[in-house]
Amino acid sequence: MLAIRRAVQHQTARLAIRAKVPTAQPVAVFRQVRQMGNTKDDGQFKTWKPLAPTLRQRRMVSRKELHKGGPVRELTVAKRRTGGRNSTGQITCRHRGGGAKRRIRLVDFKRSEPGPQQVVRLEYDPGRSAHIALIKHMETGKQSYILAPVGLKPGAVVQSYMGVDLDELKKAPRLGEEELEEEEEVSEVIEEAAERVRNQKTDHPDSVAARVSMEIGNCMPLKLVPMGATIHNIGLHPFGRGQMVRSAGASAQLLYTAHKGLAQIKLTSGEVRRVPVDACATIGQVSNPNHKHEKLGGAGARRRRGWRPTVRGTAMNTHDHPHGGGRGKSKGNKHPRSPWGKLAKGGKTRTHPSPMVIRGRPRR
């Protein structure tokens, strides 16, 4: 013990002497790993350097043009997860659970407030495949989220004609007449023709449609949309919110419309159906059309999105699945079925077809 104590005292004295003598301090060298060199973004897709097997096939849509920060807090609500269970704790939806925390973006599918609105920025929404756009009303300053169509850029101005009185819209000058009035030298013939157009009153929808802007992102009733136009975010009820054609890259074509009654639209699947002419629709195609070409790469990406593993029916026991049981790998001479006995491939499950469907989508 005495020897150890003397050694400690000696070492302490040496350190005290060194502290008094000024010496050059060593420069700390930090090893920096450049993560930017592991990814490649060509503006269309983002790929990763295969540092792991899951990154070799991973391919995600580029988000260069999207907002880098978070959403507007007032336009979001917290998403409370249930893990696929009901109020009694029983699993009612399989393969759900876990995942990163999210906030639901409150998207305005109805667009009931008229007037010009300026696009502030484009944002990523984890709750849907399409991108969303933050717009600000140029008169009231109110902010809201809408589905971003293809070609919409920050700074653009979009309008909604859902809450506009059609009688007042008929009194407004047609598009292009305001520039005509600003010209100093206009012939008398053109002035008389423009005056006749202003005084012309008819109930035909074309007289109102001539005063409506058909720019991308504008929302209006189907009776104001020209036939053959590409639309999305289509409502199913008069003056209701949009319910169809809202996923990434989706679009529909307006085949027929009128001032009253029902319009006809053709969906991407090939289905042709009737929709009330007072239902809302937005001009253009939904953004992010390359979403269908994404590859997550590994199971971890699915778990972060709130999905749990899926067990094959043939790997279960007999009482767990219709495909289960048997010696070795056997199918049991049964058609593919769900765990509850419903036909899984090709079986008809629709007993009451919708009367609004004129022609169903082509099936195999």
Protein backbone atom coordinates (compact mmCIF):
# COMPACT_ATOMS: atom_id res chain seq x y z
CA MET A 1 0.00 0.00 0.00
CA LEU A 2 2.83 2.40 0.81
CA ALA A 3 4.45 1.74 -2.57
CA ILE A 4 1.20 2.39 -4.41
CA ARG A 5 0.68 5.64 -2.51
CA ARG A 6 4.21 6.86 -3.38
CA ALA A 7 3.69 5.99 -7.07
CA VAL A 8 0.46 7.98 -7.18
CA GLN A 9 2.14 10.97 -5.52
CA HIS A 10 5.03 10.80 -7.99
CA GLN A 11 2.68 10.69 -10.98
CA THR A 12 0.68 13.63 -9.59
CA ALA A 13 3.84 15.72 -9.23
CA ARG A 14 4.87 14.99 -12.82
CA LEU A 15 1.47 16.09 -14.14
CA ALA A 16 1.68 19.30 -12.08
CA ILE A 17 5.08 20.15 -13.60
CA ARG A 18 3.79 19.48 -17.12
CA ALA A 19 0.83 21.76 -16.56
CA LYS A 20 3.17 24.68 -15.79
CA VAL A 21 5.21 24.23 -19.01
CA PRO A 22 3.34 25.52 -22.11
CA THR A 23 3.25 22.85 -24.80
CA ALA A 24 1.57 22.65 -28.19
CA GLN A 25 -1.95 21.29 -27.93
CA PRO A 26 -2.78 18.38 -30.30
CA VAL A 27 -5.29 19.24 -33.01
CA ALA A 28 -8.43 17.09 -32.85
CA VAL A 29 -9.09 15.41 -36.16
CA PHE A 30 -12.67 14.26 -36.71
CA ARG A 31 -13.53 11.68 -39.26
CA GLN A 32 -16.37 12.98 -41.39
CA VAL A 33 -18.65 10.62 -43.27
CA ARG A 34 -20.31 12.21 -46.24
CA GLN A 35 -23.82 10.85 -46.45
CA MET A 36 -24.54 12.85 -49.59
CA GLY A 37 -22.20 10.62 -51.57
CA ASN A 38 -24.33 7.58 -50.78
CA THR A 39 -27.42 8.82 -52.64
CA LYS A 40 -28.15 9.91 -56.18
CA ASP A 41 -31.05 12.18 -57.09
CA ASP A 42 -31.62 12.87 -60.79
CA GLY A 43 -34.77 14.91 -60.24
CA GLN A 44 -37.04 11.99 -61.04
CA PHE A 45 -35.96 9.21 -58.65
CA LYS A 46 -33.68 8.96 -55.66
CA THR A 47 -31.46 5.86 -55.40
CA TRP A 48 -28.98 4.68 -52.79
CA LYS A 49 -25.48 3.25 -52.94
CA PRO A 50 -25.77 -0.46 -52.00
CA LEU A 51 -24.11 -0.23 -48.59
CA ALA A 52 -26.70 -2.78 -47.42
CA PRO A 53 -28.73 -5.39 -49.31
CA THR A 54 -31.98 -3.47 -48.67
CA LEU A 55 -30.61 -0.35 -50.36
CA ARG A 56 -29.67 -2.08 -53.60
CA GLN A 57 -33.20 -2.14 -55.04
CA ARG A 58 -34.58 0.88 -53.20
CA ARG A 59 -35.95 3.63 -55.41
CA MET A 60 -38.03 6.58 -54.21
CA VAL A 61 -39.55 9.55 -56.00
CA SER A 62 -37.45 12.71 -55.88
CA ARG A 63 -38.59 15.41 -53.48
CA LYS A 64 -36.28 18.21 -54.58
CA GLU A 65 -39.12 20.60 -55.35
CA LEU A 66 -40.99 19.98 -52.08
CA HIS A 67 -40.83 22.00 -48.87
CA LYS A 68 -38.03 20.84 -46.56
CA GLY A 69 -39.68 21.88 -43.29
CA GLY A 70 -42.76 20.67 -41.46
CA PRO A 71 -46.43 21.43 -42.15
CA VAL A 72 -48.55 24.27 -40.82
CA ARG A 73 -49.43 23.17 -37.29
CA GLU A 74 -52.92 24.68 -37.38
CA LEU A 75 -53.80 22.61 -40.46
CA THR A 76 -52.88 19.25 -38.88
CA VAL A 77 -54.25 16.94 -36.20
CA ALA A 78 -52.53 14.09 -34.36
CA LYS A 79 -53.09 10.60 -35.71
CA ARG A 80 -53.97 8.17 -32.93
CA ARG A 81 -53.13 4.60 -33.83
CA THR A 82 -55.17 1.56 -32.82
CA GLY A 83 -52.91 -1.23 -34.07
CA GLY A 84 -55.82 -2.69 -36.03
CA ARG A 85 -57.87 -3.35 -32.88
CA ASN A 86 -61.37 -2.27 -31.93
CA SER A 87 -62.63 -0.96 -28.58
CA THR A 88 -62.61 -4.46 -27.05
CA GLY A 89 -59.01 -5.17 -28.07
CA GLN A 90 -59.78 -7.69 -30.81
CA ILE A 91 -57.84 -7.52 -34.07
CA THR A 92 -60.27 -6.41 -36.76
CA CYS A 93 -57.66 -5.39 -39.37
CA ARG A 94 -54.62 -7.63 -39.69
CA HIS A 95 -51.03 -6.62 -40.44
CA ARG A 96 -51.27 -3.20 -38.77
CA GLY A 97 -49.15 -1.82 -35.93
CA GLY A 98 -46.11 0.26 -35.07
CA GLY A 99 -44.63 2.79 -37.44
CA ALA A 100 -43.45 6.36 -37.15
CA LYS A 101 -45.63 9.03 -35.59
CA ARG A 102 -47.69 11.07 -38.02
CA ARG A 103 -49.91 14.09 -38.18
CA ILE A 104 -52.94 14.14 -40.47
CA ARG A 105 -52.98 17.04 -42.92
CA LEU A 106 -56.44 18.61 -43.19
CA VAL A 107 -56.89 18.80 -46.96
CA ASP A 108 -59.71 20.94 -48.34
CA PHE A 109 -61.50 18.67 -50.80
CA LYS A 110 -64.59 20.88 -51.03
CA ARG A 111 -63.02 24.26 -52.00
CA SER A 112 -66.18 26.12 -50.94
CA GLU A 113 -64.47 29.52 -50.44
CA PRO A 114 -64.38 31.45 -53.75
CA GLY A 115 -61.76 33.91 -54.83
CA PRO A 116 -58.11 33.86 -56.00
CA GLN A 117 -55.67 31.86 -53.90
CA GLN A 118 -51.89 31.84 -54.32
CA VAL A 119 -49.79 28.69 -54.04
CA VAL A 120 -47.23 29.17 -51.27
CA ARG A 121 -45.36 25.85 -51.52
CA LEU A 122 -45.64 22.15 -52.30
CA GLU A 123 -45.36 19.66 -49.43
CA TYR A 124 -45.02 15.94 -48.80
CA ASP A 125 -47.95 14.20 -47.11
CA PRO A 126 -47.20 10.87 -45.37
CA GLY A 127 -50.90 10.03 -45.30
CA ARG A 128 -51.39 9.86 -49.09
CA SER A 129 -49.49 9.03 -52.25
CA ALA A 130 -50.02 12.44 -53.87
CA HIS A 131 -48.35 15.71 -52.93
CA ILE A 132 -50.27 18.60 -51.40
CA ALA A 133 -50.06 22.36 -51.95
CA LEU A 134 -50.35 25.10 -49.35
CA ILE A 135 -52.48 27.94 -50.71
CA LYS A 136 -53.23 31.37 -49.23
CA HIS A 137 -56.34 33.40 -50.02
CA MET A 138 -55.28 36.68 -51.58
CA GLU A 139 -58.14 38.62 -49.96
CA THR A 140 -58.71 37.05 -46.54
CA GLY A 141 -55.22 35.57 -45.99
CA LYS A 142 -56.66 32.20 -44.95
CA GLN A 143 -54.39 29.19 -45.53
CA SER A 144 -55.47 25.71 -46.55
CA TYR A 145 -54.17 22.52 -48.16
CA ILE A 146 -55.31 21.15 -51.53
CA LEU A 147 -54.24 18.24 -53.71
CA ALA A 148 -51.39 19.41 -55.93
CA PRO A 149 -51.99 18.69 -59.64
CA VAL A 150 -49.21 18.03 -62.13
CA GLY A 151 -47.57 21.27 -63.27
CA LEU A 152 -48.60 23.40 -60.28
CA LYS A 153 -45.72 25.64 -59.14
CA PRO A 154 -45.26 27.93 -56.11
CA GLY A 155 -46.49 31.41 -56.92
CA ALA A 156 -49.31 30.27 -59.19
CA VAL A 157 -52.86 31.51 -58.59
CA VAL A 158 -55.79 29.08 -58.40
CA GLN A 159 -59.49 29.81 -57.99
CA SER A 160 -62.64 28.06 -56.82
CA TYR A 161 -66.05 28.58 -58.42
CA MET A 162 -67.99 26.32 -56.06
CA GLY A 163 -69.49 29.15 -53.98
CA VAL A 164 -70.05 31.60 -56.85
CA ASP A 165 -73.57 32.67 -57.84
CA LEU A 166 -74.06 31.82 -61.51
CA ASP A 167 -76.36 34.81 -62.09
CA GLU A 168 -73.60 37.16 -60.97
CA LEU A 169 -71.06 35.23 -63.01
CA LYS A 170 -73.13 35.78 -66.16
CA LYS A 171 -72.91 39.55 -65.65
CA ALA A 172 -69.11 39.48 -65.49
CA PRO A 173 -67.17 40.14 -68.71
CA ARG A 174 -65.86 37.20 -70.64
CA LEU A 175 -62.23 36.24 -70.40
CA GLY A 176 -60.19 38.51 -72.68
CA GLU A 177 -62.67 41.40 -72.77
CA GLU A 178 -60.90 43.33 -70.01
CA GLU A 179 -57.78 43.59 -72.17
CA LEU A 180 -60.03 44.64 -75.05
CA GLU A 181 -61.43 47.56 -73.07
CA GLU A 182 -57.97 48.77 -72.07
CA GLU A 183 -56.90 49.34 -75.67
CA GLU A 184 -57.03 52.98 -76.72
CA GLU A 185 -57.86 52.51 -80.39
CA VAL A 186 -60.65 50.01 -80.94
CA SER A 187 -62.84 50.04 -83.99
CA GLU A 188 -66.56 50.68 -83.65
CA VAL A 189 -67.43 47.27 -85.07
CA ILE A 190 -65.50 45.47 -82.36
CA GLU A 191 -67.06 47.68 -79.70
CA GLU A 192 -70.57 46.89 -80.88
CA ALA A 193 -69.80 43.15 -80.97
CA ALA A 194 -68.40 43.24 -77.44
CA GLU A 195 -71.47 45.14 -76.25
CA ARG A 196 -73.77 42.50 -77.72
CA VAL A 197 -71.80 39.78 -75.93
CA ARG A 198 -72.10 41.63 -72.62
CA ASN A 199 -75.83 42.10 -72.95
CA GLN A 200 -76.45 38.55 -74.11
CA LYS A 201 -78.26 36.47 -71.45
CA THR A 202 -78.95 32.79 -71.78
CA ASP A 203 -79.29 29.83 -69.44
CA HIS A 204 -76.97 27.65 -71.49
CA PRO A 205 -73.87 26.65 -69.48
CA ASP A 206 -71.57 27.83 -72.27
CA SER A 207 -72.44 31.45 -71.48
CA VAL A 208 -71.12 30.94 -67.96
CA ALA A 209 -68.20 28.69 -68.92
CA ALA A 210 -66.81 31.48 -71.11
CA ARG A 211 -66.28 33.51 -67.93
CA VAL A 212 -64.52 30.72 -65.99
CA SER A 213 -60.76 30.21 -66.02
CA MET A 214 -59.71 26.66 -66.94
CA GLU A 215 -56.24 26.84 -65.42
CA ILE A 216 -54.72 23.82 -63.66
CA GLY A 217 -55.84 23.63 -60.03
CA ASN A 218 -59.11 25.54 -60.45
CA CYS A 219 -62.16 23.92 -58.83
CA MET A 220 -65.69 24.24 -60.23
CA PRO A 221 -68.96 22.31 -60.71
CA LEU A 222 -69.00 19.76 -63.50
CA LYS A 223 -71.53 21.84 -65.45
CA LEU A 224 -68.86 24.52 -65.96
CA VAL A 225 -66.12 22.12 -67.10
CA PRO A 226 -65.72 21.76 -70.88
CA MET A 227 -66.32 18.29 -72.27
CA GLY A 228 -63.15 16.28 -72.83
CA ALA A 229 -61.21 18.02 -70.04
CA THR A 230 -58.92 16.11 -67.66
CA ILE A 231 -60.17 16.38 -64.07
CA HIS A 232 -59.56 14.96 -60.59
CA ASN A 233 -60.94 15.25 -57.04
CA ILE A 234 -64.50 14.56 -58.22
CA GLY A 235 -67.46 14.65 -55.87
CA LEU A 236 -70.28 12.12 -55.73
CA HIS A 237 -72.95 14.42 -54.29
CA PRO A 238 -74.10 17.95 -55.26
CA PHE A 239 -72.01 20.65 -53.55
CA GLY A 240 -70.13 17.94 -51.58
CA ARG A 241 -66.46 17.24 -51.15
CA GLY A 242 -64.32 15.41 -53.69
CA GLN A 243 -64.23 11.66 -53.15
CA MET A 244 -62.95 10.10 -56.38
CA VAL A 245 -59.69 10.34 -58.34
CA ARG A 246 -57.46 11.54 -55.50
CA SER A 247 -54.46 9.17 -55.55
CA ALA A 248 -51.09 9.90 -57.16
CA GLY A 249 -51.18 10.19 -60.94
CA ALA A 250 -54.95 9.60 -61.16
CA SER A 251 -57.18 11.46 -63.60
CA ALA A 252 -60.59 11.20 -65.26
CA GLN A 253 -62.12 12.54 -68.47
CA LEU A 254 -65.42 14.37 -68.71
CA LEU A 255 -67.48 12.83 -71.51
CA TYR A 256 -70.76 14.71 -71.16
CA THR A 257 -72.22 17.50 -69.05
CA ALA A 258 -75.28 19.74 -69.04
CA HIS A 259 -76.84 22.58 -67.09
CA LYS A 260 -79.00 20.16 -65.08
CA GLY A 261 -79.08 16.45 -64.43
CA LEU A 262 -76.14 14.06 -64.52
CA ALA A 263 -72.73 14.24 -66.15
CA GLN A 264 -70.72 11.30 -67.46
CA ILE A 265 -67.05 10.72 -66.65
CA LYS A 266 -64.59 8.04 -67.67
CA LEU A 267 -62.18 6.81 -64.98
CA THR A 268 -58.67 5.51 -65.53
CA SER A 269 -59.86 1.94 -64.95
CA GLY A 270 -62.18 2.23 -67.95
CA GLU A 271 -65.38 2.59 -65.93
CA VAL A 272 -67.94 5.11 -67.16
CA ARG A 273 -70.35 6.44 -64.54
CA ARG A 274 -72.84 9.22 -63.90
CA VAL A 275 -72.14 12.08 -61.50
CA PRO A 276 -74.38 15.07 -60.59
CA VAL A 277 -73.49 18.19 -62.56
CA ASP A 278 -73.35 20.22 -59.32
CA ALA A 279 -70.57 17.99 -57.93
CA CYS A 280 -67.11 19.51 -57.67
CA ALA A 281 -64.14 18.74 -59.89
CA THR A 282 -60.61 20.14 -60.22
CA ILE A 283 -58.82 20.72 -63.52
CA GLY A 284 -55.68 18.64 -64.15
CA GLN A 285 -54.07 15.37 -63.12
CA VAL A 286 -53.03 14.48 -59.58
CA SER A 287 -49.33 15.03 -58.85
CA ASN A 288 -46.60 12.43 -58.26
CA PRO A 289 -47.37 10.10 -61.20
CA ASN A 290 -44.10 8.19 -60.64
CA HIS A 291 -45.33 6.84 -57.31
CA LYS A 292 -46.20 3.51 -58.96
CA HIS A 293 -42.51 2.97 -59.84
CA GLU A 294 -41.25 3.23 -56.25
CA LYS A 295 -39.49 0.30 -54.55
CA LEU A 296 -39.13 0.24 -50.79
CA GLY A 297 -36.25 -2.24 -50.90
CA GLY A 298 -36.67 -3.98 -47.54
CA ALA A 299 -39.09 -5.00 -44.84
CA GLY A 300 -37.90 -2.25 -42.51
CA ALA A 301 -39.39 0.42 -44.77
CA ARG A 302 -42.75 -1.30 -44.51
CA ARG A 303 -42.52 -1.49 -40.72
CA ARG A 304 -41.79 2.24 -40.50
CA ARG A 305 -44.99 2.85 -42.43
CA GLY A 306 -47.04 0.93 -39.89
CA TRP A 307 -47.30 -2.48 -41.61
CA ARG A 308 -46.61 -5.77 -39.86
CA PRO A 309 -45.54 -9.05 -41.50
CA THR A 310 -48.00 -11.14 -43.53
CA VAL A 311 -48.04 -14.90 -42.94
CA ARG A 312 -48.96 -17.16 -45.86
CA GLY A 313 -52.03 -19.31 -45.46
CA THR A 314 -50.17 -22.48 -46.50
CA ALA A 315 -47.80 -21.99 -43.56
CA MET A 316 -50.66 -22.08 -41.02
CA ASN A 317 -52.54 -24.89 -39.38
CA THR A 318 -55.86 -26.22 -40.57
CA HIS A 319 -57.98 -24.33 -38.06
CA ASP A 320 -56.18 -21.04 -38.82
CA HIS A 321 -56.65 -20.83 -42.60
CA PRO A 322 -58.43 -22.77 -45.39
CA HIS A 323 -55.03 -23.33 -47.03
CA GLY A 324 -53.39 -24.62 -43.86
CA GLY A 325 -52.58 -28.13 -42.72
CA GLY A 326 -51.49 -31.17 -44.68
CA ARG A 327 -48.24 -33.01 -44.97
CA GLY A 328 -45.46 -30.86 -46.37
CA LYS A 329 -46.26 -28.17 -48.91
CA SER A 330 -49.81 -28.83 -50.06
CA LYS A 331 -52.61 -26.62 -51.37
CA GLY A 332 -55.46 -28.90 -50.33
CA ASN A 333 -57.14 -28.86 -53.78
CA LYS A 334 -58.94 -25.61 -52.97
CA HIS A 335 -59.35 -22.37 -54.83
CA PRO A 336 -57.50 -19.40 -53.28
CA ARG A 337 -59.56 -18.08 -50.40
CA SER A 338 -59.35 -15.56 -47.60
CA PRO A 339 -59.06 -16.72 -43.95
CA TRP A 340 -62.86 -16.46 -43.76
CA GLY A 341 -63.58 -18.54 -46.87
CA LYS A 342 -64.19 -15.78 -49.43
CA LEU A 343 -62.83 -16.36 -52.93
CA ALA A 344 -59.61 -14.37 -53.27
CA LYS A 345 -59.02 -14.42 -57.04
CA GLY A 346 -61.78 -13.77 -59.53
CA GLY A 347 -64.72 -14.46 -57.27
CA LYS A 348 -67.66 -12.05 -57.46
CA THR A 349 -68.39 -10.28 -54.18
CA ARG A 350 -70.55 -7.35 -55.36
CA THR A 351 -74.23 -8.25 -54.96
CA HIS A 352 -75.78 -4.78 -55.47
CA PRO A 353 -74.13 -2.95 -58.41
CA SER A 354 -74.37 0.82 -58.43
CA PRO A 355 -77.08 2.22 -60.75
CA MET A 356 -74.78 5.19 -61.52
CA VAL A 357 -72.30 2.96 -63.36
CA ILE A 358 -72.99 2.94 -67.11
CA ARG A 359 -70.17 0.62 -68.12
CA GLY A 360 -68.06 -1.27 -65.62
CA ARG A 361 -64.31 -1.56 -65.79
CA PRO A 362 -63.00 -4.39 -67.99
CA ARG A 363 -62.37 -7.56 -66.01
CA ARG A 364 -60.44 -10.67 -66.89
